[in-house]
Amino acid sequence: MSEGAERPLRADARRNREKILKAAVRMFAAEGLDTHLERIAKEAGVGSATLYRNFPTREALVEAVYRNEVAQLCDAAPELLTTKPPFEALRAWTRLFLDYVTTKYGMIDALRAIAATGNSPYGHSREMIRAALSILMDACVTAGTIRADITAADLGAALEGIALTSASPEQRQQAERLLDLTLDGLTVVRPEVER
């Protein structure tokens, strides 16, 4: 194994890591970033040593939570297309995007502090999100449900704008209305058939 390469985690270690990440998202959302890490370990059903072995610092845990949320959001795009028509998959994904932004909103100060140290938790997240959005939009264009002249960058910018103005949980209804208006603007207008 080359130097710097990580060994794959055993199945039980991977499960513990996933439980910690899920518990951290819940606890950060409910109690903020000052939540004691030991409480997160307890919520996850693991010992503190297991948490610290996986995430030696609070910053490491916050960064891992963020990266995990991005990965889940992006992985959802092709999964949604297997269970829903393309436009409905796109609509469902935009709701997941709001969930992701709401989670990120609660961690923004910690993410900024991590970025200030020179470690960018954002990495390639914007490109990953646009790629997922492209998958959904391409499927919609192929199905003839949305206009072909709108790019993933265009829709991504619109989603980011909605998120910036309506990211807090109490603004969720407004954010969903704005998403619907945006998606309605993408739809292909079919000429009315004369009767």
Protein backbone atom coordinates (compact mmCIF):
# COMPACT_ATOMS: atom_id res chain seq x y z
CA MET A 1 0.00 0.00 0.00
CA SER A 2 1.43 3.38 -0.95
CA GLU A 3 2.27 5.93 1.68
CA GLY A 4 -0.69 8.17 2.43
CA ALA A 5 -3.21 5.67 1.05
CA GLU A 6 -5.98 4.82 3.47
CA ARG A 7 -7.01 1.28 4.16
CA PRO A 8 -10.68 0.59 3.55
CA LEU A 9 -12.71 0.50 6.75
CA ARG A 10 -14.06 -2.77 8.08
CA ALA A 11 -17.83 -3.07 7.76
CA ASP A 12 -18.43 -2.44 11.49
CA ALA A 13 -16.10 0.57 11.51
CA ARG A 14 -17.86 1.97 8.42
CA ARG A 15 -21.26 1.52 10.11
CA ASN A 16 -20.00 3.29 13.24
CA ARG A 17 -18.66 6.17 11.16
CA GLU A 18 -22.01 6.50 9.35
CA LYS A 19 -23.91 6.43 12.67
CA ILE A 20 -21.67 9.19 14.03
CA LEU A 21 -22.21 11.35 10.94
CA LYS A 22 -26.00 10.92 11.08
CA ALA A 23 -26.07 11.68 14.81
CA ALA A 24 -23.86 14.74 14.29
CA VAL A 25 -26.23 16.15 11.67
CA ARG A 26 -29.19 15.72 14.03
CA MET A 27 -27.37 17.13 17.06
CA PHE A 28 -25.84 20.08 15.21
CA ALA A 29 -29.27 20.94 13.80
CA ALA A 30 -30.98 20.63 17.18
CA GLU A 31 -28.35 22.10 19.50
CA GLY A 32 -25.83 23.92 17.35
CA LEU A 33 -22.15 23.32 16.79
CA ASP A 34 -21.29 23.65 20.47
CA THR A 35 -22.89 20.27 21.15
CA HIS A 36 -20.53 18.14 23.23
CA LEU A 37 -18.93 15.46 21.11
CA GLU A 38 -19.61 12.93 23.85
CA ARG A 39 -23.34 13.62 23.41
CA ILE A 40 -22.98 12.93 19.70
CA ALA A 41 -21.22 9.65 20.47
CA LYS A 42 -24.03 8.68 22.86
CA GLU A 43 -26.68 9.63 20.27
CA ALA A 44 -24.83 7.49 17.71
CA GLY A 45 -24.64 4.55 20.11
CA VAL A 46 -20.84 4.44 20.10
CA GLY A 47 -18.18 5.18 22.68
CA SER A 48 -16.32 8.47 22.81
CA ALA A 49 -13.11 6.68 21.83
CA THR A 50 -14.77 5.49 18.61
CA LEU A 51 -15.87 9.02 17.80
CA TYR A 52 -12.40 10.48 18.47
CA ARG A 53 -10.70 7.69 16.52
CA ASN A 54 -12.77 8.66 13.48
CA PHE A 55 -12.85 12.41 14.10
CA PRO A 56 -10.01 13.63 16.32
CA THR A 57 -11.33 17.22 16.39
CA ARG A 58 -14.66 19.00 16.18
CA GLU A 59 -13.48 20.58 12.91
CA ALA A 60 -12.77 17.14 11.43
CA LEU A 61 -16.29 16.03 12.35
CA VAL A 62 -17.92 19.18 10.92
CA GLU A 63 -15.95 18.84 7.69
CA ALA A 64 -16.85 15.14 7.39
CA VAL A 65 -20.54 15.92 8.00
CA TYR A 66 -20.44 18.56 5.27
CA ARG A 67 -18.68 16.30 2.76
CA ASN A 68 -21.09 13.46 3.57
CA GLU A 69 -24.11 15.71 3.02
CA VAL A 70 -22.74 16.81 -0.38
CA ALA A 71 -22.10 13.19 -1.39
CA GLN A 72 -25.62 12.12 -0.37
CA LEU A 73 -27.17 15.01 -2.28
CA CYS A 74 -25.22 14.19 -5.43
CA ASP A 75 -25.81 10.44 -5.16
CA ALA A 76 -29.55 11.09 -4.95
CA ALA A 77 -29.78 12.42 -8.53
CA PRO A 78 -29.35 9.12 -10.40
CA GLU A 79 -31.29 7.26 -7.70
CA LEU A 80 -34.30 9.56 -8.11
CA LEU A 81 -34.26 9.03 -11.87
CA THR A 82 -34.73 5.29 -11.32
CA THR A 83 -37.94 5.82 -9.33
CA LYS A 84 -39.54 8.97 -10.75
CA PRO A 85 -40.19 10.61 -14.12
CA PRO A 86 -37.38 13.10 -14.89
CA PHE A 87 -39.23 16.31 -13.97
CA GLU A 88 -40.52 14.83 -10.71
CA ALA A 89 -36.98 13.61 -9.95
CA LEU A 90 -35.69 17.14 -10.52
CA ARG A 91 -38.41 18.58 -8.28
CA ALA A 92 -37.63 16.05 -5.52
CA TRP A 93 -33.89 16.75 -5.81
CA THR A 94 -34.45 20.49 -5.35
CA ARG A 95 -36.15 19.69 -2.02
CA LEU A 96 -33.11 17.63 -1.04
CA PHE A 97 -30.97 20.61 -2.02
CA LEU A 98 -32.94 22.74 0.45
CA ASP A 99 -32.35 20.12 3.16
CA TYR A 100 -28.64 20.19 2.36
CA VAL A 101 -28.51 24.00 2.50
CA THR A 102 -30.42 24.04 5.79
CA THR A 103 -27.83 21.65 7.27
CA LYS A 104 -24.98 23.73 5.87
CA TYR A 105 -26.64 26.92 7.17
CA GLY A 106 -26.41 25.56 10.71
CA MET A 107 -22.71 24.83 10.28
CA ILE A 108 -21.68 27.94 8.37
CA ASP A 109 -19.55 29.51 11.11
CA ALA A 110 -17.62 26.29 11.66
CA LEU A 111 -17.13 25.80 7.92
CA ARG A 112 -15.81 29.36 7.61
CA ALA A 113 -13.40 28.76 10.49
CA ILE A 114 -12.13 25.58 8.81
CA ALA A 115 -11.73 27.42 5.49
CA ALA A 116 -9.78 30.19 7.28
CA THR A 117 -7.16 27.62 8.33
CA GLY A 118 -6.46 26.84 4.68
CA ASN A 119 -8.41 23.57 4.60
CA SER A 120 -11.28 24.02 2.20
CA PRO A 121 -14.23 21.88 3.25
CA TYR A 122 -15.92 22.92 0.04
CA GLY A 123 -13.40 21.32 -2.29
CA HIS A 124 -15.22 20.38 -5.44
CA SER A 125 -18.71 20.49 -3.95
CA ARG A 126 -20.05 23.11 -6.37
CA GLU A 127 -18.84 21.07 -9.37
CA MET A 128 -20.28 17.88 -7.86
CA ILE A 129 -23.64 19.54 -7.31
CA ARG A 130 -23.71 20.97 -10.84
CA ALA A 131 -22.85 17.54 -12.25
CA ALA A 132 -25.78 15.99 -10.35
CA LEU A 133 -28.04 18.78 -11.53
CA SER A 134 -26.85 18.22 -15.12
CA ILE A 135 -27.82 14.54 -14.92
CA LEU A 136 -31.35 15.51 -13.89
CA MET A 137 -31.70 18.35 -16.38
CA ASP A 138 -30.38 16.25 -19.28
CA ALA A 139 -32.98 13.61 -18.48
CA CYS A 140 -35.70 16.29 -18.43
CA VAL A 141 -34.54 17.77 -21.75
CA THR A 142 -34.49 14.30 -23.31
CA ALA A 143 -38.03 13.71 -22.00
CA GLY A 144 -39.10 17.07 -23.46
CA THR A 145 -40.24 18.47 -20.13
CA ILE A 146 -37.84 21.39 -19.71
CA ARG A 147 -36.27 23.93 -22.02
CA ALA A 148 -32.87 23.06 -23.47
CA ASP A 149 -31.51 26.61 -23.27
CA ILE A 150 -31.07 26.61 -19.47
CA THR A 151 -27.80 25.24 -18.10
CA ALA A 152 -27.07 23.52 -14.81
CA ALA A 153 -25.02 26.60 -13.90
CA ASP A 154 -28.12 28.77 -14.47
CA LEU A 155 -30.39 26.61 -12.36
CA GLY A 156 -27.65 26.14 -9.77
CA ALA A 157 -27.35 29.92 -9.40
CA ALA A 158 -31.12 30.19 -8.99
CA LEU A 159 -31.10 27.46 -6.33
CA GLU A 160 -28.24 29.16 -4.50
CA GLY A 161 -30.15 32.45 -4.59
CA ILE A 162 -33.25 30.82 -3.14
CA ALA A 163 -31.11 29.16 -0.50
CA LEU A 164 -29.41 32.43 0.47
CA THR A 165 -32.71 34.19 1.00
CA SER A 166 -34.70 31.31 2.47
CA ALA A 167 -32.28 28.85 4.09
CA SER A 168 -33.60 28.89 7.62
CA PRO A 169 -36.14 26.21 8.61
CA GLU A 170 -38.88 28.77 9.35
CA GLN A 171 -38.66 29.96 5.72
CA ARG A 172 -39.11 26.48 4.23
CA GLN A 173 -42.58 27.12 2.77
CA GLN A 174 -41.39 30.27 1.02
CA ALA A 175 -38.33 28.44 -0.31
CA GLU A 176 -40.50 25.66 -1.73
CA ARG A 177 -42.80 28.19 -3.42
CA LEU A 178 -39.76 29.87 -4.97
CA LEU A 179 -38.47 26.48 -6.14
CA ASP A 180 -41.83 25.74 -7.77
CA LEU A 181 -41.82 29.11 -9.53
CA THR A 182 -38.30 28.49 -10.79
CA LEU A 183 -39.10 24.98 -12.00
CA ASP A 184 -42.29 26.19 -13.68
CA GLY A 185 -40.12 28.66 -15.60
CA LEU A 186 -38.07 25.76 -16.97
CA THR A 187 -40.98 23.82 -18.39
CA VAL A 188 -41.54 23.56 -22.09
CA VAL A 189 -44.54 25.56 -23.23
CA ARG A 190 -46.52 23.44 -25.62
CA PRO A 191 -48.63 25.24 -28.20
CA GLU A 192 -52.32 24.78 -27.70
CA VAL A 193 -53.93 22.47 -30.19
CA GLU A 194 -56.80 24.05 -32.08
CA ARG A 195 -60.11 22.37 -31.53
